Amino acid sequence: MTRDARGWVFTHDLDEFLTSAGDFLRSRPAAHTVALSVTDALRRRGPDVYGEEAPFFGRFADADADVADEGEGDGVAGVSAVLFHTPPYQLNLTDLPAEGIDALAARLADEGYSFPGVGGPVDTAAEFAAAWERHAGARAQLRRSERLYRLGTLTPPTPVPPGRARVAGESDHALVARWYSEFAGIFGRNERQDPDRWAESRLAYGGVTLWETPDGTPVAMAGATPLIAGQIRVAPVYTPAPLRGRGYAGAATAEVSRAALVGGADEVLLFTDLANPTSNGLYQRIGYRPVADFAVYDFAK
């Protein structure tokens, strides 16, 4: 079926969006891991967690799909795609058929929306970037190519470096915030959050694990999102530059992955930058297997 933009419904109301599109997001938790984690953070931490400007959401429902009666609170049947925008970061899309992307970009441009970039499944992101150039007069440039991995059989790296893993606590706040900021800066992640707020949120639910040497010195960290729809995503993984190449990141990642399984996750996921063959090789040795490729584009006038 050819799709146009008329099936899209846009809203700033997170509850309304999750009521209508939550089942769709949970139907493919690996593919929708970013949308699930972002909306969970907005729900738990408030609408200003990513910035002062209100988030924006959209859902696409086929015109001929059965729709729940208005007011019954049962959601909207037939939702097959969503988008969300948490300013000042890029627009994020789930997988979209190519024939509907141009119409979506045209409608968003006509209604005055503005985005600094777009991220999503590799083909969808590329098609939208090209359409945004046509309709919004922007120049699109590929910023990052990513691969989503899912954990198969966990295989801890050998030999294990000296030391142990421990869950970071409040006394580690300054270190965790600094390492998060360094990670975001070194790896060019323009979508970084406020380091102190990020650290506070992660530490509140035990979402950062440190690998420390036998004398108790932290040398690497691996984070994890909360359990949502049966999935946990490992992120970020960071070792300061002078300490790399000693197996610390692999050991921390393996421990976080093990803890996620023990904690009840059906799927343990992570993203890698395809420009970094070292990390891609490491995660595959631990037991992660490719799921899908994603891309992020920046827009400039």
Protein backbone atom coordinates (compact mmCIF):
# COMPACT_ATOMS: atom_id res chain seq x y z
CA MET A 1 0.00 0.00 0.00
CA THR A 2 1.30 3.44 -0.90
CA ARG A 3 1.62 5.59 2.18
CA ASP A 4 1.34 9.35 2.44
CA ALA A 5 1.67 11.68 5.42
CA ARG A 6 -2.02 11.69 6.34
CA GLY A 7 -1.63 8.71 8.64
CA TRP A 8 0.77 10.58 10.92
CA VAL A 9 -0.50 12.00 14.21
CA PHE A 10 1.84 14.35 16.08
CA THR A 11 1.73 15.25 19.77
CA HIS A 12 3.75 16.72 22.63
CA ASP A 13 1.89 14.54 25.14
CA LEU A 14 4.07 11.59 26.19
CA ASP A 15 1.20 9.73 27.89
CA GLU A 16 -0.96 10.02 24.79
CA PHE A 17 1.90 8.80 22.62
CA LEU A 18 2.67 5.78 24.80
CA THR A 19 -1.00 4.87 25.11
CA SER A 20 -1.33 4.74 21.34
CA ALA A 21 2.13 3.52 20.31
CA GLY A 22 3.43 1.66 23.35
CA ASP A 23 2.31 -1.77 22.13
CA PHE A 24 4.02 -1.16 18.80
CA LEU A 25 7.28 -0.20 20.51
CA ARG A 26 7.16 -3.25 22.78
CA SER A 27 6.41 -5.56 19.84
CA ARG A 28 10.03 -5.27 18.62
CA PRO A 29 12.07 -4.21 21.65
CA ALA A 30 15.46 -4.66 20.01
CA ALA A 31 14.63 -2.58 16.93
CA HIS A 32 12.92 0.04 19.12
CA THR A 33 15.44 0.09 21.97
CA VAL A 34 16.27 3.78 21.58
CA ALA A 35 12.62 4.88 21.55
CA LEU A 36 11.88 2.67 24.56
CA SER A 37 14.79 4.00 26.61
CA VAL A 38 14.20 7.65 25.69
CA THR A 39 10.49 7.57 26.48
CA ASP A 40 11.22 5.73 29.72
CA ALA A 41 13.70 8.42 30.73
CA LEU A 42 11.15 11.13 29.92
CA ARG A 43 8.50 9.32 31.96
CA ARG A 44 10.77 8.76 34.98
CA ARG A 45 12.78 11.98 34.98
CA GLY A 46 10.47 14.55 33.44
CA PRO A 47 10.05 16.24 30.04
CA ASP A 48 13.11 18.47 30.47
CA VAL A 49 15.61 15.64 30.93
CA TYR A 50 17.08 16.20 27.46
CA GLY A 51 16.50 19.95 27.17
CA GLU A 52 14.18 22.82 27.93
CA GLU A 53 12.15 22.56 24.73
CA ALA A 54 9.21 20.13 24.86
CA PRO A 55 9.70 16.72 23.21
CA PHE A 56 7.68 15.93 20.11
CA PHE A 57 6.27 12.53 19.10
CA GLY A 58 4.55 11.06 16.08
CA ARG A 59 2.86 7.79 15.18
CA PHE A 60 1.77 6.40 11.85
CA ALA A 61 -1.36 4.25 11.59
CA ASP A 62 -2.61 2.77 8.34
CA ALA A 63 -5.72 4.55 7.17
CA ASP A 64 -7.64 1.27 6.84
CA ALA A 65 -6.56 -0.15 10.22
CA ASP A 66 -9.06 -0.70 13.00
CA VAL A 67 -8.91 2.19 15.42
CA ALA A 68 -9.98 2.00 19.05
CA ASP A 69 -13.06 4.01 19.90
CA GLU A 70 -12.14 7.49 21.05
CA GLY A 71 -12.13 7.79 24.81
CA GLU A 72 -11.84 4.09 25.60
CA GLY A 73 -8.12 4.35 26.36
CA ASP A 74 -7.24 1.19 24.44
CA GLY A 75 -4.83 2.88 22.09
CA VAL A 76 -4.71 2.95 18.32
CA ALA A 77 -4.52 -0.27 16.35
CA GLY A 78 -2.40 -0.50 13.23
CA VAL A 79 0.49 1.71 14.37
CA SER A 80 3.41 0.74 12.16
CA ALA A 81 5.99 3.51 12.67
CA VAL A 82 6.88 6.25 15.13
CA LEU A 83 9.16 9.23 15.39
CA PHE A 84 10.33 11.35 18.29
CA HIS A 85 12.36 14.52 18.74
CA THR A 86 13.96 15.58 22.02
CA PRO A 87 15.45 19.02 21.30
CA PRO A 88 18.26 19.91 20.92
CA TYR A 89 19.03 16.41 19.58
CA GLN A 90 18.23 14.83 16.24
CA LEU A 91 14.90 13.49 15.02
CA ASN A 92 14.67 9.72 15.52
CA LEU A 93 12.69 7.39 13.27
CA THR A 94 11.73 3.76 13.38
CA ASP A 95 11.82 1.76 10.15
CA LEU A 96 9.72 3.37 7.42
CA PRO A 97 8.83 2.25 3.89
CA ALA A 98 10.62 4.34 1.30
CA GLU A 99 7.42 5.46 -0.40
CA GLY A 100 6.21 7.29 2.71
CA ILE A 101 9.37 9.11 3.68
CA ASP A 102 9.22 11.93 1.13
CA ALA A 103 5.65 12.78 2.10
CA LEU A 104 6.56 12.79 5.79
CA ALA A 105 9.53 15.11 5.22
CA ALA A 106 7.38 17.43 3.11
CA ARG A 107 4.69 17.65 5.78
CA LEU A 108 7.17 18.30 8.60
CA ALA A 109 8.90 21.01 6.55
CA ASP A 110 5.58 22.59 5.54
CA GLU A 111 4.46 22.71 9.19
CA GLY A 112 7.65 24.50 10.21
CA TYR A 113 9.47 21.81 12.12
CA SER A 114 13.25 22.07 12.35
CA PHE A 115 15.76 19.36 13.24
CA PRO A 116 19.55 19.36 13.61
CA GLY A 117 19.72 15.87 12.14
CA VAL A 118 18.07 12.49 11.88
CA GLY A 119 18.84 9.02 13.16
CA GLY A 120 17.31 5.62 12.52
CA PRO A 121 17.65 2.39 10.55
CA VAL A 122 20.26 2.94 7.88
CA ASP A 123 17.96 3.02 4.82
CA THR A 124 15.25 5.06 6.53
CA ALA A 125 17.74 7.63 7.83
CA ALA A 126 19.37 7.99 4.41
CA GLU A 127 16.04 8.39 2.61
CA PHE A 128 14.78 10.96 5.12
CA ALA A 129 18.06 12.91 4.95
CA ALA A 130 17.73 13.15 1.18
CA ALA A 131 14.07 14.15 1.44
CA TRP A 132 14.87 16.79 4.05
CA GLU A 133 17.43 18.30 1.71
CA ARG A 134 14.72 18.61 -0.96
CA HIS A 135 11.96 20.00 1.24
CA ALA A 136 13.78 21.98 3.95
CA GLY A 137 16.74 23.28 1.95
CA ALA A 138 19.19 21.66 4.36
CA ARG A 139 22.47 19.92 3.62
CA ALA A 140 22.72 16.46 5.12
CA GLN A 141 26.02 14.88 6.13
CA LEU A 142 26.52 11.39 7.53
CA ARG A 143 27.91 11.70 11.05
CA ARG A 144 27.95 8.12 12.30
CA SER A 145 27.22 4.59 11.10
CA GLU A 146 26.24 2.19 13.85
CA ARG A 147 25.51 -1.51 14.27
CA LEU A 148 23.05 -2.89 16.80
CA TYR A 149 24.15 -6.15 18.43
CA ARG A 150 22.22 -8.68 20.51
CA LEU A 151 23.91 -10.96 23.04
CA GLY A 152 23.88 -14.64 22.15
CA THR A 153 25.96 -16.90 24.41
CA LEU A 154 27.97 -14.80 26.81
CA THR A 155 31.68 -15.65 26.55
CA PRO A 156 33.72 -13.62 29.05
CA PRO A 157 37.08 -12.56 27.62
CA THR A 158 40.19 -14.46 28.65
CA PRO A 159 42.45 -13.83 30.31
CA VAL A 160 40.47 -11.68 32.72
CA PRO A 161 42.50 -8.63 33.73
CA PRO A 162 43.48 -8.35 37.40
CA GLY A 163 40.80 -6.75 39.54
CA ARG A 164 37.04 -6.97 39.87
CA ALA A 165 33.77 -5.36 38.88
CA ARG A 166 31.57 -3.39 41.23
CA VAL A 167 28.43 -1.32 40.83
CA ALA A 168 29.18 2.39 41.09
CA GLY A 169 27.71 4.26 44.05
CA GLU A 170 27.12 7.84 45.07
CA SER A 171 30.76 8.29 46.08
CA ASP A 172 31.66 7.67 42.42
CA HIS A 173 29.46 10.48 41.10
CA ALA A 174 32.28 12.85 40.10
CA LEU A 175 34.24 10.09 38.36
CA VAL A 176 31.21 8.74 36.47
CA ALA A 177 30.17 12.25 35.35
CA ARG A 178 33.71 13.02 34.15
CA TRP A 179 34.06 9.75 32.26
CA TYR A 180 30.67 10.21 30.64
CA SER A 181 31.72 13.69 29.48
CA GLU A 182 35.04 12.36 28.16
CA PHE A 183 33.27 9.53 26.34
CA ALA A 184 30.83 11.92 24.69
CA GLY A 185 33.57 14.32 23.68
CA ILE A 186 36.08 11.80 22.37
CA PHE A 187 33.55 9.85 20.35
CA GLY A 188 31.85 12.94 18.92
CA ARG A 189 28.46 12.35 20.49
CA ASN A 190 26.79 15.71 20.08
CA GLU A 191 23.72 14.41 21.88
CA ARG A 192 25.44 14.36 25.27
CA GLN A 193 23.35 15.12 28.34
CA ASP A 194 24.41 17.18 31.34
CA PRO A 195 27.09 14.94 32.91
CA ASP A 196 25.96 15.47 36.50
CA ARG A 197 22.32 14.78 35.74
CA TRP A 198 23.28 11.74 33.68
CA ALA A 199 25.45 10.36 36.49
CA GLU A 200 22.76 11.03 39.11
CA SER A 201 20.14 9.18 37.08
CA ARG A 202 22.35 6.16 36.31
CA LEU A 203 23.63 5.81 39.86
CA ALA A 204 20.08 5.91 41.22
CA TYR A 205 19.29 2.49 39.74
CA GLY A 206 22.77 0.96 39.68
CA GLY A 207 23.22 1.65 35.99
CA VAL A 208 27.03 1.95 35.95
CA THR A 209 29.54 -0.80 36.65
CA LEU A 210 33.21 -0.03 37.24
CA TRP A 211 36.15 -2.32 36.69
CA GLU A 212 38.80 -1.63 39.29
CA THR A 213 42.34 -2.90 39.79
CA PRO A 214 43.25 -4.98 42.85
CA ASP A 215 44.16 -1.81 44.78
CA GLY A 216 40.64 -0.43 44.18
CA THR A 217 41.46 2.06 41.40
CA PRO A 218 38.63 2.36 38.81
CA VAL A 219 39.96 1.86 35.28
CA ALA A 220 36.86 1.42 33.08
CA MET A 221 33.09 1.70 33.18
CA ALA A 222 30.16 0.06 31.44
CA GLY A 223 26.65 1.44 31.73
CA ALA A 224 23.25 -0.13 31.17
CA THR A 225 19.76 1.21 30.59
CA PRO A 226 16.89 0.09 32.84
CA LEU A 227 14.97 -3.08 31.96
CA ILE A 228 12.21 -2.08 29.53
CA ALA A 229 10.06 -4.47 27.49
CA GLY A 230 12.43 -7.31 28.33
CA GLN A 231 15.55 -5.59 26.98
CA ILE A 232 18.55 -3.84 28.49
CA ARG A 233 21.05 -1.91 26.38
CA VAL A 234 24.69 -1.68 27.41
CA ALA A 235 25.91 1.93 27.08
CA PRO A 236 28.29 3.60 27.37
CA VAL A 237 31.51 1.59 27.62
CA TYR A 238 34.57 3.71 28.36
CA THR A 239 38.22 3.32 29.32
CA PRO A 240 40.47 6.39 29.63
CA ALA A 241 43.02 6.51 26.83
CA PRO A 242 46.14 5.71 28.92
CA LEU A 243 44.49 2.52 30.22
CA ARG A 244 43.21 1.03 26.96
CA GLY A 245 44.39 -2.24 25.49
CA ARG A 246 44.48 -4.08 28.82
CA GLY A 247 41.12 -5.84 28.67
CA TYR A 248 39.32 -3.59 31.15
CA ALA A 249 36.46 -2.60 28.83
CA GLY A 250 35.81 -6.19 27.80
CA ALA A 251 35.74 -7.35 31.42
CA ALA A 252 33.35 -4.55 32.44
CA THR A 253 31.08 -5.23 29.45
CA ALA A 254 30.95 -8.95 30.17
CA GLU A 255 30.02 -8.28 33.80
CA VAL A 256 27.26 -5.80 32.88
CA SER A 257 25.93 -8.27 30.30
CA ARG A 258 25.91 -11.09 32.88
CA ALA A 259 24.12 -8.88 35.40
CA ALA A 260 21.50 -7.95 32.79
CA LEU A 261 20.73 -11.61 32.16
CA VAL A 262 20.56 -12.34 35.90
CA GLY A 263 18.28 -9.32 36.27
CA GLY A 264 15.73 -10.84 33.90
CA ALA A 265 16.56 -9.36 30.50
CA ASP A 266 15.35 -11.41 27.54
CA GLU A 267 17.59 -9.38 25.23
CA VAL A 268 20.86 -7.62 26.00
CA LEU A 269 21.79 -5.11 23.32
CA LEU A 270 24.47 -2.61 22.44
CA PHE A 271 25.39 -0.23 19.63
CA THR A 272 28.84 0.12 18.15
CA ASP A 273 30.37 2.73 15.89
CA LEU A 274 31.20 0.91 12.65
CA ALA A 275 34.26 3.12 12.27
CA ASN A 276 35.77 1.40 15.33
CA PRO A 277 36.81 -2.16 14.37
CA THR A 278 38.35 -2.77 17.80
CA SER A 279 35.07 -2.45 19.69
CA ASN A 280 33.14 -4.39 17.04
CA GLY A 281 35.60 -7.26 17.29
CA LEU A 282 35.59 -7.19 21.09
CA TYR A 283 31.82 -7.40 21.44
CA GLN A 284 31.56 -10.24 18.95
CA ARG A 285 34.18 -12.21 20.90
CA ILE A 286 32.09 -11.71 24.05
CA GLY A 287 29.08 -13.19 22.28
CA TYR A 288 27.22 -10.29 20.65
CA ARG A 289 25.74 -10.86 17.18
CA PRO A 290 24.67 -8.25 14.58
CA VAL A 291 20.99 -7.32 14.40
CA ALA A 292 20.71 -4.24 12.17
CA ASP A 293 22.58 -1.14 11.00
CA PHE A 294 21.65 2.43 11.89
CA ALA A 295 22.88 5.85 10.82
CA VAL A 296 22.89 9.45 12.09
CA TYR A 297 22.94 12.45 9.75
CA ASP A 298 23.55 16.11 10.63
CA PHE A 299 21.61 18.89 8.88
CA ALA A 300 23.06 22.29 8.06
CA LYS A 301 21.67 25.24 6.13
